[in-house]
Amino acid sequence: MPNIKSAKKRVLTNGRKNEENILVESRMKNSIKKLEKAIHEGNATDSKEQLVTTLKNIDKAQNINIVKENKASRLKSRLTKAVNKLN
């Protein structure tokens, strides 16, 4: 445990940020899994609705640097392409 007051504050804020990052990452992964399940079942309307929320979650993860820009673009492209095939 640090002795300096500012270092103690930094430990607390880093802990809060870490928890938030874990939540955003798990939310993104869960939405991707739900979307892939809807695509696998062939449910076009449900997959279109799920695609919107999944893209939002991927963008949010990218904005706070949980996912790199290229990976986010690749994920969005592949998922959108898979949903468009259902039509």
C-alpha atoms as a PDB file:
ATOM      1  CA  MET A   1       0.000   0.000   0.000  1.00  0.00           C
ATOM      2  CA  PRO A   2       1.398   3.410  -0.909  1.00  0.00           C
ATOM      3  CA  ASN A   3       2.335   5.984   1.705  1.00  0.00           C
ATOM      4  CA  ILE A   4       1.816   9.166  -0.292  1.00  0.00           C
ATOM      5  CA  LYS A   5      -1.697  10.632  -0.326  1.00  0.00           C
ATOM      6  CA  SER A   6      -1.842  11.112  -4.110  1.00  0.00           C
ATOM      7  CA  ALA A   7      -0.683   7.525  -4.663  1.00  0.00           C
ATOM      8  CA  LYS A   8      -3.462   6.283  -2.363  1.00  0.00           C
ATOM      9  CA  LYS A   9      -6.011   8.250  -4.401  1.00  0.00           C
ATOM     10  CA  ARG A  10      -4.560   6.831  -7.613  1.00  0.00           C
ATOM     11  CA  VAL A  11      -5.008   3.273  -6.300  1.00  0.00           C
ATOM     12  CA  LEU A  12      -8.682   4.000  -5.602  1.00  0.00           C
ATOM     13  CA  THR A  13      -9.381   5.620  -8.972  1.00  0.00           C
ATOM     14  CA  ASN A  14      -7.523   2.881 -10.847  1.00  0.00           C
ATOM     15  CA  GLY A  15      -9.664   0.301  -9.061  1.00  0.00           C
ATOM     16  CA  ARG A  16     -12.878   2.071 -10.095  1.00  0.00           C
ATOM     17  CA  LYS A  17     -11.710   2.434 -13.686  1.00  0.00           C
ATOM     18  CA  ASN A  18     -10.710  -1.231 -13.773  1.00  0.00           C
ATOM     19  CA  GLU A  19     -14.191  -2.291 -12.637  1.00  0.00           C
ATOM     20  CA  GLU A  20     -15.811  -0.086 -15.286  1.00  0.00           C
ATOM     21  CA  ASN A  21     -13.535  -1.499 -17.989  1.00  0.00           C
ATOM     22  CA  ILE A  22     -14.416  -5.051 -16.981  1.00  0.00           C
ATOM     23  CA  LEU A  23     -18.139  -4.210 -17.174  1.00  0.00           C
ATOM     24  CA  VAL A  24     -17.830  -2.628 -20.617  1.00  0.00           C
ATOM     25  CA  GLU A  25     -15.775  -5.524 -21.965  1.00  0.00           C
ATOM     26  CA  SER A  26     -18.136  -8.183 -20.628  1.00  0.00           C
ATOM     27  CA  ARG A  27     -21.158  -6.247 -21.944  1.00  0.00           C
ATOM     28  CA  MET A  28     -19.538  -6.158 -25.380  1.00  0.00           C
ATOM     29  CA  LYS A  29     -18.695  -9.856 -25.376  1.00  0.00           C
ATOM     30  CA  ASN A  30     -22.166 -10.859 -24.159  1.00  0.00           C
ATOM     31  CA  SER A  31     -23.879  -8.795 -26.843  1.00  0.00           C
ATOM     32  CA  ILE A  32     -21.650 -10.374 -29.505  1.00  0.00           C
ATOM     33  CA  LYS A  33     -22.588 -13.831 -28.234  1.00  0.00           C
ATOM     34  CA  LYS A  34     -26.303 -12.972 -28.295  1.00  0.00           C
ATOM     35  CA  LEU A  35     -26.007 -11.653 -31.831  1.00  0.00           C
ATOM     36  CA  GLU A  36     -24.130 -14.730 -33.037  1.00  0.00           C
ATOM     37  CA  LYS A  37     -26.789 -16.933 -31.457  1.00  0.00           C
ATOM     38  CA  ALA A  38     -29.557 -15.000 -33.240  1.00  0.00           C
ATOM     39  CA  ILE A  39     -27.651 -15.277 -36.529  1.00  0.00           C
ATOM     40  CA  HIS A  40     -27.138 -19.005 -36.039  1.00  0.00           C
ATOM     41  CA  GLU A  41     -30.864 -19.469 -35.389  1.00  0.00           C
ATOM     42  CA  GLY A  42     -31.641 -17.517 -38.564  1.00  0.00           C
ATOM     43  CA  ASN A  43     -33.826 -14.936 -36.836  1.00  0.00           C
ATOM     44  CA  ALA A  44     -33.423 -11.887 -39.117  1.00  0.00           C
ATOM     45  CA  THR A  45     -35.520  -9.353 -37.193  1.00  0.00           C
ATOM     46  CA  ASP A  46     -34.020 -10.203 -33.807  1.00  0.00           C
ATOM     47  CA  SER A  47     -30.504 -10.142 -35.212  1.00  0.00           C
ATOM     48  CA  LYS A  48     -31.025  -6.677 -36.745  1.00  0.00           C
ATOM     49  CA  GLU A  49     -32.173  -5.296 -33.389  1.00  0.00           C
ATOM     50  CA  GLN A  50     -29.307  -6.987 -31.593  1.00  0.00           C
ATOM     51  CA  LEU A  51     -26.819  -5.680 -34.162  1.00  0.00           C
ATOM     52  CA  VAL A  52     -27.568  -2.067 -33.203  1.00  0.00           C
ATOM     53  CA  THR A  53     -26.837  -2.647 -29.517  1.00  0.00           C
ATOM     54  CA  THR A  54     -23.780  -4.750 -30.304  1.00  0.00           C
ATOM     55  CA  LEU A  55     -22.283  -2.029 -32.496  1.00  0.00           C
ATOM     56  CA  LYS A  56     -22.890   0.524 -29.730  1.00  0.00           C
ATOM     57  CA  ASN A  57     -21.150  -1.706 -27.196  1.00  0.00           C
ATOM     58  CA  ILE A  58     -18.182  -2.282 -29.514  1.00  0.00           C
ATOM     59  CA  ASP A  59     -17.869   1.470 -30.130  1.00  0.00           C
ATOM     60  CA  LYS A  60     -17.990   2.187 -26.402  1.00  0.00           C
ATOM     61  CA  ALA A  61     -15.242  -0.364 -25.755  1.00  0.00           C
ATOM     62  CA  GLN A  62     -13.153   1.148 -28.540  1.00  0.00           C
ATOM     63  CA  ASN A  63     -13.584   4.699 -27.222  1.00  0.00           C
ATOM     64  CA  ILE A  64     -12.128   3.815 -23.834  1.00  0.00           C
ATOM     65  CA  ASN A  65      -9.325   1.741 -25.410  1.00  0.00           C
ATOM     66  CA  ILE A  66     -10.470  -1.686 -24.286  1.00  0.00           C
ATOM     67  CA  VAL A  67     -10.495  -2.863 -27.912  1.00  0.00           C
ATOM     68  CA  LYS A  68      -8.132  -1.504 -30.543  1.00  0.00           C
ATOM     69  CA  GLU A  69      -9.554   0.376 -33.507  1.00  0.00           C
ATOM     70  CA  ASN A  70      -8.740  -2.286 -36.106  1.00  0.00           C
ATOM     71  CA  LYS A  71     -10.261  -5.090 -34.045  1.00  0.00           C
ATOM     72  CA  ALA A  72     -13.420  -3.060 -33.462  1.00  0.00           C
ATOM     73  CA  SER A  73     -13.739  -2.344 -37.182  1.00  0.00           C
ATOM     74  CA  ARG A  74     -13.165  -5.993 -38.031  1.00  0.00           C
ATOM     75  CA  LEU A  75     -15.774  -7.174 -35.513  1.00  0.00           C
ATOM     76  CA  LYS A  76     -18.377  -4.668 -36.740  1.00  0.00           C
ATOM     77  CA  SER A  77     -17.724  -5.555 -40.363  1.00  0.00           C
ATOM     78  CA  ARG A  78     -17.995  -9.314 -39.855  1.00  0.00           C
ATOM     79  CA  LEU A  79     -21.121  -9.074 -37.724  1.00  0.00           C
ATOM     80  CA  THR A  80     -22.839  -6.683 -40.138  1.00  0.00           C
ATOM     81  CA  LYS A  81     -21.954  -8.913 -43.074  1.00  0.00           C
ATOM     82  CA  ALA A  82     -23.389 -11.962 -41.264  1.00  0.00           C
ATOM     83  CA  VAL A  83     -26.651 -10.134 -40.466  1.00  0.00           C
ATOM     84  CA  ASN A  84     -26.988  -8.908 -44.050  1.00  0.00           C
ATOM     85  CA  LYS A  85     -26.660 -12.488 -45.329  1.00  0.00           C
ATOM     86  CA  LEU A  86     -29.843 -13.405 -43.462  1.00  0.00           C
ATOM     87  CA  ASN A  87     -31.951 -11.103 -45.647  1.00  0.00           C
END
